[in-house]
Amino acid sequence: MGKRLIVQRRGRGSIYRSPSHRHIGDIVHPKLREGRGRVVDILHDPGHTAPVAIVDYGKMKVKMLAAEGMHIDQEVQIGTAVHLAPGNTMPIGRIPEGTQIYNIEAKPGDGGKFARSGGSYGVVVGHGRKTIVRLPSEKLKALSPDCMATIGVVAGGGRGEKPFAKAGKKIHAYRSRSKRPYKVRGIAMNPVNHPHGGGSHQHVGRPSTVSTWAPPGRKVGRLSPKKRRK
């Protein structure tokens, strides 16, 4: 009697729960038109790959993704006419071409959606009715000039260069992100555990494309794409 397949457990929810009680919270641009703040602390957030800076604007304290080179007691600005220094936030329509930016808004006021992981950044390519930004994926995107972005590169880059060295360390690291740390190939399993398992050597043994109407235990391999609804 074989085990239940992973493909049959997909719809039953994740067995990994993200420790959201240890997360600092949402990191978004503050609802300020103009302001000068001071970095009072830089924290580690398990929910982000980048360190989080706490900025005191006098009337309010704001959490923001730290830029490379940011330090405590550094002054940061937000507004339409600020200096082009790492950590300052301004509309992308006023940022010169070729400037590296991060935490870019998709729509004005949404708090930032693009280039938020450690070491990532976008580049302002051109201006017009829309501002053209090259995202970390090398895709060019036309955005409203009123979208806010922070100048610089997200801190925490190079986190993937250090190897895990042990499986346990990877399990703990991925558990904090609520991700599965390992994935066993179907051809490496026994035939009772997976349709691709078994054989004198590791091979699928049958056509890897399956029908849309295949049952859950057989529906593995190259799945046909879902038809778009009209």
C-alpha atoms as a PDB file:
ATOM      1  CA  MET A   1       0.000   0.000   0.000  1.00  0.00           C
ATOM      2  CA  GLY A   2       1.600   3.261  -1.131  1.00  0.00           C
ATOM      3  CA  LYS A   3       1.700   6.624   0.483  1.00  0.00           C
ATOM      4  CA  ARG A   4      -0.523   9.501  -0.494  1.00  0.00           C
ATOM      5  CA  LEU A   5       1.116  11.516  -3.230  1.00  0.00           C
ATOM      6  CA  ILE A   6       2.217  15.107  -2.863  1.00  0.00           C
ATOM      7  CA  VAL A   7       0.004  16.006  -5.809  1.00  0.00           C
ATOM      8  CA  GLN A   8      -3.012  14.740  -3.876  1.00  0.00           C
ATOM      9  CA  ARG A   9      -2.161  16.925  -0.873  1.00  0.00           C
ATOM     10  CA  ARG A  10      -1.825  20.192  -2.743  1.00  0.00           C
ATOM     11  CA  GLY A  11      -5.418  21.257  -2.167  1.00  0.00           C
ATOM     12  CA  ARG A  12      -5.348  20.526   1.559  1.00  0.00           C
ATOM     13  CA  GLY A  13      -3.322  23.591   2.516  1.00  0.00           C
ATOM     14  CA  SER A  14       0.307  24.104   3.436  1.00  0.00           C
ATOM     15  CA  ILE A  15       1.854  22.199   6.331  1.00  0.00           C
ATOM     16  CA  TYR A  16       4.208  25.132   6.877  1.00  0.00           C
ATOM     17  CA  ARG A  17       2.896  28.108   8.819  1.00  0.00           C
ATOM     18  CA  SER A  18       4.732  31.407   8.575  1.00  0.00           C
ATOM     19  CA  PRO A  19       5.571  32.848  12.046  1.00  0.00           C
ATOM     20  CA  SER A  20       3.668  36.059  11.406  1.00  0.00           C
ATOM     21  CA  HIS A  21       3.746  36.926  15.121  1.00  0.00           C
ATOM     22  CA  ARG A  22       7.478  37.627  14.674  1.00  0.00           C
ATOM     23  CA  HIS A  23       7.053  39.771  11.564  1.00  0.00           C
ATOM     24  CA  ILE A  24       7.469  43.502  11.940  1.00  0.00           C
ATOM     25  CA  GLY A  25       4.546  44.305   9.636  1.00  0.00           C
ATOM     26  CA  ASP A  26       3.847  45.850   6.251  1.00  0.00           C
ATOM     27  CA  ILE A  27       6.611  48.016   4.819  1.00  0.00           C
ATOM     28  CA  VAL A  28       5.077  50.834   2.750  1.00  0.00           C
ATOM     29  CA  HIS A  29       5.848  54.427   1.876  1.00  0.00           C
ATOM     30  CA  PRO A  30       4.537  56.869   4.507  1.00  0.00           C
ATOM     31  CA  LYS A  31       1.542  59.054   3.763  1.00  0.00           C
ATOM     32  CA  LEU A  32       3.619  62.225   3.788  1.00  0.00           C
ATOM     33  CA  ARG A  33       3.932  64.981   1.184  1.00  0.00           C
ATOM     34  CA  GLU A  34       7.147  66.447   2.552  1.00  0.00           C
ATOM     35  CA  GLY A  35       9.296  65.546   5.509  1.00  0.00           C
ATOM     36  CA  ARG A  36      12.717  64.977   7.005  1.00  0.00           C
ATOM     37  CA  GLY A  37      13.384  62.008   9.230  1.00  0.00           C
ATOM     38  CA  ARG A  38      16.192  60.355  11.156  1.00  0.00           C
ATOM     39  CA  VAL A  39      17.029  56.658  11.186  1.00  0.00           C
ATOM     40  CA  VAL A  40      16.742  55.570  14.827  1.00  0.00           C
ATOM     41  CA  ASP A  41      17.172  51.804  14.416  1.00  0.00           C
ATOM     42  CA  ILE A  42      17.804  49.065  11.855  1.00  0.00           C
ATOM     43  CA  LEU A  43      16.085  45.726  12.552  1.00  0.00           C
ATOM     44  CA  HIS A  44      15.947  42.219  11.112  1.00  0.00           C
ATOM     45  CA  ASP A  45      12.536  41.087   9.908  1.00  0.00           C
ATOM     46  CA  PRO A  46      11.952  37.354   9.298  1.00  0.00           C
ATOM     47  CA  GLY A  47       9.307  38.262   6.741  1.00  0.00           C
ATOM     48  CA  HIS A  48      11.721  40.186   4.508  1.00  0.00           C
ATOM     49  CA  THR A  49      15.096  39.441   2.949  1.00  0.00           C
ATOM     50  CA  ALA A  50      16.236  43.009   3.606  1.00  0.00           C
ATOM     51  CA  PRO A  51      16.816  44.821   6.921  1.00  0.00           C
ATOM     52  CA  VAL A  52      14.139  47.273   8.026  1.00  0.00           C
ATOM     53  CA  ALA A  53      14.978  50.813   9.119  1.00  0.00           C
ATOM     54  CA  ILE A  54      12.873  52.709  11.660  1.00  0.00           C
ATOM     55  CA  VAL A  55      12.663  56.372  10.662  1.00  0.00           C
ATOM     56  CA  ASP A  56      11.433  59.080  13.039  1.00  0.00           C
ATOM     57  CA  TYR A  57       9.680  61.935  11.219  1.00  0.00           C
ATOM     58  CA  GLY A  58       8.837  63.742  14.456  1.00  0.00           C
ATOM     59  CA  LYS A  59       5.078  63.190  14.470  1.00  0.00           C
ATOM     60  CA  MET A  60       5.288  59.550  13.390  1.00  0.00           C
ATOM     61  CA  LYS A  61       7.715  56.641  13.147  1.00  0.00           C
ATOM     62  CA  VAL A  62       7.808  54.805   9.839  1.00  0.00           C
ATOM     63  CA  LYS A  63       9.203  51.426   8.792  1.00  0.00           C
ATOM     64  CA  MET A  64      11.084  51.368   5.484  1.00  0.00           C
ATOM     65  CA  LEU A  65      13.358  48.968   3.619  1.00  0.00           C
ATOM     66  CA  ALA A  66      16.945  49.946   4.354  1.00  0.00           C
ATOM     67  CA  ALA A  67      19.185  51.039   1.502  1.00  0.00           C
ATOM     68  CA  GLU A  68      22.770  49.917   1.060  1.00  0.00           C
ATOM     69  CA  GLY A  69      24.996  52.094   3.230  1.00  0.00           C
ATOM     70  CA  MET A  70      22.176  53.298   5.491  1.00  0.00           C
ATOM     71  CA  HIS A  71      23.152  53.802   9.128  1.00  0.00           C
ATOM     72  CA  ILE A  72      21.640  54.979  12.398  1.00  0.00           C
ATOM     73  CA  ASP A  73      21.292  58.772  12.769  1.00  0.00           C
ATOM     74  CA  GLN A  74      21.238  59.181   8.990  1.00  0.00           C
ATOM     75  CA  GLU A  75      18.870  61.852   7.714  1.00  0.00           C
ATOM     76  CA  VAL A  76      16.351  60.785   5.053  1.00  0.00           C
ATOM     77  CA  GLN A  77      13.910  62.954   3.136  1.00  0.00           C
ATOM     78  CA  ILE A  78      10.620  62.462   1.377  1.00  0.00           C
ATOM     79  CA  GLY A  79       9.013  64.887  -1.039  1.00  0.00           C
ATOM     80  CA  THR A  80       9.076  66.243  -4.574  1.00  0.00           C
ATOM     81  CA  ALA A  81      12.384  68.137  -4.345  1.00  0.00           C
ATOM     82  CA  VAL A  82      14.912  66.168  -2.302  1.00  0.00           C
ATOM     83  CA  HIS A  83      18.577  65.339  -2.774  1.00  0.00           C
ATOM     84  CA  LEU A  84      19.504  62.292  -4.855  1.00  0.00           C
ATOM     85  CA  ALA A  85      20.893  60.345  -1.914  1.00  0.00           C
ATOM     86  CA  PRO A  86      20.287  56.680  -0.980  1.00  0.00           C
ATOM     87  CA  GLY A  87      17.269  56.383   1.297  1.00  0.00           C
ATOM     88  CA  ASN A  88      15.424  59.481   0.070  1.00  0.00           C
ATOM     89  CA  THR A  89      11.952  58.998  -1.418  1.00  0.00           C
ATOM     90  CA  MET A  90      10.403  61.033  -4.223  1.00  0.00           C
ATOM     91  CA  PRO A  91       8.096  60.640  -7.267  1.00  0.00           C
ATOM     92  CA  ILE A  92       9.718  58.739 -10.120  1.00  0.00           C
ATOM     93  CA  GLY A  93       8.741  61.519 -12.531  1.00  0.00           C
ATOM     94  CA  ARG A  94      11.302  63.777 -10.828  1.00  0.00           C
ATOM     95  CA  ILE A  95      14.122  61.220 -10.685  1.00  0.00           C
ATOM     96  CA  PRO A  96      16.794  61.588 -13.408  1.00  0.00           C
ATOM     97  CA  GLU A  97      17.298  58.863 -15.979  1.00  0.00           C
ATOM     98  CA  GLY A  98      19.770  56.154 -15.035  1.00  0.00           C
ATOM     99  CA  THR A  99      19.117  56.446 -11.287  1.00  0.00           C
ATOM    100  CA  GLN A 100      18.813  53.237  -9.277  1.00  0.00           C
ATOM    101  CA  ILE A 101      15.582  53.038  -7.278  1.00  0.00           C
ATOM    102  CA  TYR A 102      13.703  50.471  -5.200  1.00  0.00           C
ATOM    103  CA  ASN A 103      10.330  49.911  -3.511  1.00  0.00           C
ATOM    104  CA  ILE A 104       8.586  51.266  -6.598  1.00  0.00           C
ATOM    105  CA  GLU A 105       4.843  51.879  -6.531  1.00  0.00           C
ATOM    106  CA  ALA A 106       2.681  50.290  -9.216  1.00  0.00           C
ATOM    107  CA  LYS A 107      -0.044  52.898  -8.653  1.00  0.00           C
ATOM    108  CA  PRO A 108       0.262  56.176  -6.748  1.00  0.00           C
ATOM    109  CA  GLY A 109      -0.348  55.568  -3.065  1.00  0.00           C
ATOM    110  CA  ASP A 110      -0.113  51.761  -2.942  1.00  0.00           C
ATOM    111  CA  GLY A 111       3.044  51.857  -0.775  1.00  0.00           C
ATOM    112  CA  GLY A 112       5.457  50.067  -3.124  1.00  0.00           C
ATOM    113  CA  LYS A 113       5.246  46.819  -5.096  1.00  0.00           C
ATOM    114  CA  PHE A 114       8.439  46.354  -7.171  1.00  0.00           C
ATOM    115  CA  ALA A 115      12.153  45.839  -6.295  1.00  0.00           C
ATOM    116  CA  ARG A 116      11.713  45.057  -2.602  1.00  0.00           C
ATOM    117  CA  SER A 117      13.937  42.008  -2.016  1.00  0.00           C
ATOM    118  CA  GLY A 118      17.485  42.293  -0.693  1.00  0.00           C
ATOM    119  CA  GLY A 119      19.983  43.530  -3.285  1.00  0.00           C
ATOM    120  CA  SER A 120      17.371  44.368  -5.952  1.00  0.00           C
ATOM    121  CA  TYR A 121      16.770  47.675  -7.687  1.00  0.00           C
ATOM    122  CA  GLY A 122      15.148  49.215 -10.740  1.00  0.00           C
ATOM    123  CA  VAL A 123      16.457  51.883 -13.106  1.00  0.00           C
ATOM    124  CA  VAL A 124      14.657  54.939 -14.478  1.00  0.00           C
ATOM    125  CA  VAL A 125      14.927  54.679 -18.274  1.00  0.00           C
ATOM    126  CA  GLY A 126      12.913  57.585 -19.682  1.00  0.00           C
ATOM    127  CA  HIS A 127      10.247  60.208 -19.057  1.00  0.00           C
ATOM    128  CA  GLY A 128       7.131  61.283 -20.930  1.00  0.00           C
ATOM    129  CA  ARG A 129       3.424  60.934 -20.250  1.00  0.00           C
ATOM    130  CA  LYS A 130       4.547  57.794 -18.427  1.00  0.00           C
ATOM    131  CA  THR A 131       7.862  57.086 -16.733  1.00  0.00           C
ATOM    132  CA  ILE A 132       9.637  54.001 -18.067  1.00  0.00           C
ATOM    133  CA  VAL A 133      11.335  51.892 -15.388  1.00  0.00           C
ATOM    134  CA  ARG A 134      13.458  48.790 -15.923  1.00  0.00           C
ATOM    135  CA  LEU A 135      12.576  46.301 -13.193  1.00  0.00           C
ATOM    136  CA  PRO A 136      14.981  43.721 -11.689  1.00  0.00           C
ATOM    137  CA  SER A 137      13.534  41.158 -14.132  1.00  0.00           C
ATOM    138  CA  GLU A 138      14.828  43.363 -17.017  1.00  0.00           C
ATOM    139  CA  LYS A 139      11.217  44.074 -17.989  1.00  0.00           C
ATOM    140  CA  LEU A 140      10.357  47.643 -18.973  1.00  0.00           C
ATOM    141  CA  LYS A 141       7.234  49.010 -17.312  1.00  0.00           C
ATOM    142  CA  ALA A 142       5.431  52.296 -17.899  1.00  0.00           C
ATOM    143  CA  LEU A 143       4.301  53.842 -14.613  1.00  0.00           C
ATOM    144  CA  SER A 144       2.633  57.048 -13.536  1.00  0.00           C
ATOM    145  CA  PRO A 145       5.133  59.860 -12.809  1.00  0.00           C
ATOM    146  CA  ASP A 146       3.409  60.311  -9.430  1.00  0.00           C
ATOM    147  CA  CYS A 147       4.444  56.839  -8.224  1.00  0.00           C
ATOM    148  CA  MET A 148       6.871  57.039  -5.308  1.00  0.00           C
ATOM    149  CA  ALA A 149      10.193  55.221  -5.110  1.00  0.00           C
ATOM    150  CA  THR A 150      13.252  55.254  -2.882  1.00  0.00           C
ATOM    151  CA  ILE A 151      16.672  56.047  -4.309  1.00  0.00           C
ATOM    152  CA  GLY A 152      19.389  53.416  -3.992  1.00  0.00           C
ATOM    153  CA  VAL A 153      19.683  49.641  -3.785  1.00  0.00           C
ATOM    154  CA  VAL A 154      17.930  47.461  -1.206  1.00  0.00           C
ATOM    155  CA  ALA A 155      20.323  46.350   1.527  1.00  0.00           C
ATOM    156  CA  GLY A 156      20.899  42.659   2.207  1.00  0.00           C
ATOM    157  CA  GLY A 157      22.209  41.714  -1.224  1.00  0.00           C
ATOM    158  CA  GLY A 158      24.406  38.640  -1.634  1.00  0.00           C
ATOM    159  CA  ARG A 159      22.393  36.589   0.842  1.00  0.00           C
ATOM    160  CA  GLY A 160      22.402  33.630  -1.569  1.00  0.00           C
ATOM    161  CA  GLU A 161      26.178  33.498  -1.921  1.00  0.00           C
ATOM    162  CA  LYS A 162      26.744  31.813   1.439  1.00  0.00           C
ATOM    163  CA  PRO A 163      25.869  28.086   1.250  1.00  0.00           C
ATOM    164  CA  PHE A 164      23.537  26.498   3.788  1.00  0.00           C
ATOM    165  CA  ALA A 165      26.007  23.610   4.341  1.00  0.00           C
ATOM    166  CA  LYS A 166      23.435  21.636   6.352  1.00  0.00           C
ATOM    167  CA  ALA A 167      19.880  20.586   5.591  1.00  0.00           C
ATOM    168  CA  GLY A 168      18.672  21.714   9.006  1.00  0.00           C
ATOM    169  CA  LYS A 169      19.719  25.303   8.414  1.00  0.00           C
ATOM    170  CA  LYS A 170      17.806  25.385   5.149  1.00  0.00           C
ATOM    171  CA  ILE A 171      14.711  23.974   6.854  1.00  0.00           C
ATOM    172  CA  HIS A 172      14.756  26.712   9.496  1.00  0.00           C
ATOM    173  CA  ALA A 173      15.409  29.446   6.923  1.00  0.00           C
ATOM    174  CA  TYR A 174      12.604  28.331   4.608  1.00  0.00           C
ATOM    175  CA  ARG A 175      10.190  27.752   7.480  1.00  0.00           C
ATOM    176  CA  SER A 176      10.394  31.439   8.338  1.00  0.00           C
ATOM    177  CA  ARG A 177       9.328  32.227   4.755  1.00  0.00           C
ATOM    178  CA  SER A 178       6.613  29.534   4.822  1.00  0.00           C
ATOM    179  CA  LYS A 179       8.200  27.648   1.934  1.00  0.00           C
ATOM    180  CA  ARG A 180       8.955  23.989   1.368  1.00  0.00           C
ATOM    181  CA  PRO A 181      12.735  23.550   1.851  1.00  0.00           C
ATOM    182  CA  TYR A 182      13.105  20.445  -0.308  1.00  0.00           C
ATOM    183  CA  LYS A 183      11.388  18.768  -3.231  1.00  0.00           C
ATOM    184  CA  VAL A 184      11.858  15.080  -4.071  1.00  0.00           C
ATOM    185  CA  ARG A 185      11.762  14.156  -7.763  1.00  0.00           C
ATOM    186  CA  GLY A 186       9.085  11.718  -8.805  1.00  0.00           C
ATOM    187  CA  ILE A 187      11.551   9.509 -10.737  1.00  0.00           C
ATOM    188  CA  ALA A 188      13.569   9.063  -7.523  1.00  0.00           C
ATOM    189  CA  MET A 189      10.578   7.516  -5.705  1.00  0.00           C
ATOM    190  CA  ASN A 190       9.233   3.989  -5.645  1.00  0.00           C
ATOM    191  CA  PRO A 191       6.440   3.054  -8.058  1.00  0.00           C
ATOM    192  CA  VAL A 192       3.945   2.824  -5.174  1.00  0.00           C
ATOM    193  CA  ASN A 193       4.622   6.447  -4.245  1.00  0.00           C
ATOM    194  CA  HIS A 194       4.610   8.176  -7.631  1.00  0.00           C
ATOM    195  CA  PRO A 195       3.628   7.371 -11.237  1.00  0.00           C
ATOM    196  CA  HIS A 196       7.175   8.245 -12.367  1.00  0.00           C
ATOM    197  CA  GLY A 197       8.878   5.979  -9.826  1.00  0.00           C
ATOM    198  CA  GLY A 198      10.603   2.631 -10.265  1.00  0.00           C
ATOM    199  CA  GLY A 199      12.564   1.131 -13.141  1.00  0.00           C
ATOM    200  CA  SER A 200      16.104  -0.100 -13.650  1.00  0.00           C
ATOM    201  CA  HIS A 201      17.227   3.526 -13.921  1.00  0.00           C
ATOM    202  CA  GLN A 202      15.640   6.860 -13.208  1.00  0.00           C
ATOM    203  CA  HIS A 203      13.261   7.631 -16.056  1.00  0.00           C
ATOM    204  CA  VAL A 204       9.584   8.511 -16.422  1.00  0.00           C
ATOM    205  CA  GLY A 205       8.747   5.338 -18.372  1.00  0.00           C
ATOM    206  CA  ARG A 206       5.630   6.690 -20.088  1.00  0.00           C
ATOM    207  CA  PRO A 207       4.570   9.911 -21.817  1.00  0.00           C
ATOM    208  CA  SER A 208       5.032  12.705 -19.321  1.00  0.00           C
ATOM    209  CA  THR A 209       2.066  14.695 -20.687  1.00  0.00           C
ATOM    210  CA  VAL A 210      -1.222  13.821 -19.013  1.00  0.00           C
ATOM    211  CA  SER A 211      -4.826  14.505 -19.837  1.00  0.00           C
ATOM    212  CA  THR A 212      -6.790  17.340 -18.306  1.00  0.00           C
ATOM    213  CA  TRP A 213      -9.278  14.755 -17.069  1.00  0.00           C
ATOM    214  CA  ALA A 214      -6.687  12.539 -15.356  1.00  0.00           C
ATOM    215  CA  PRO A 215      -7.430  11.667 -11.706  1.00  0.00           C
ATOM    216  CA  PRO A 216      -5.443  13.443  -8.954  1.00  0.00           C
ATOM    217  CA  GLY A 217      -3.020  10.558  -8.354  1.00  0.00           C
ATOM    218  CA  ARG A 218      -2.134  10.294 -12.045  1.00  0.00           C
ATOM    219  CA  LYS A 219      -2.052  14.004 -12.845  1.00  0.00           C
ATOM    220  CA  VAL A 220       1.717  14.575 -12.659  1.00  0.00           C
ATOM    221  CA  GLY A 221       4.276  15.721 -15.193  1.00  0.00           C
ATOM    222  CA  ARG A 222       3.527  18.221 -17.942  1.00  0.00           C
ATOM    223  CA  LEU A 223       0.019  19.489 -17.297  1.00  0.00           C
ATOM    224  CA  SER A 224      -2.036  21.056 -20.059  1.00  0.00           C
ATOM    225  CA  PRO A 225      -2.671  24.787 -19.521  1.00  0.00           C
ATOM    226  CA  LYS A 226      -6.033  25.909 -18.248  1.00  0.00           C
ATOM    227  CA  LYS A 227      -8.274  27.560 -20.814  1.00  0.00           C
ATOM    228  CA  ARG A 228      -8.951  31.208 -20.269  1.00  0.00           C
ATOM    229  CA  ARG A 229     -12.462  32.171 -19.366  1.00  0.00           C
ATOM    230  CA  LYS A 230     -14.203  34.556 -21.712  1.00  0.00           C
END
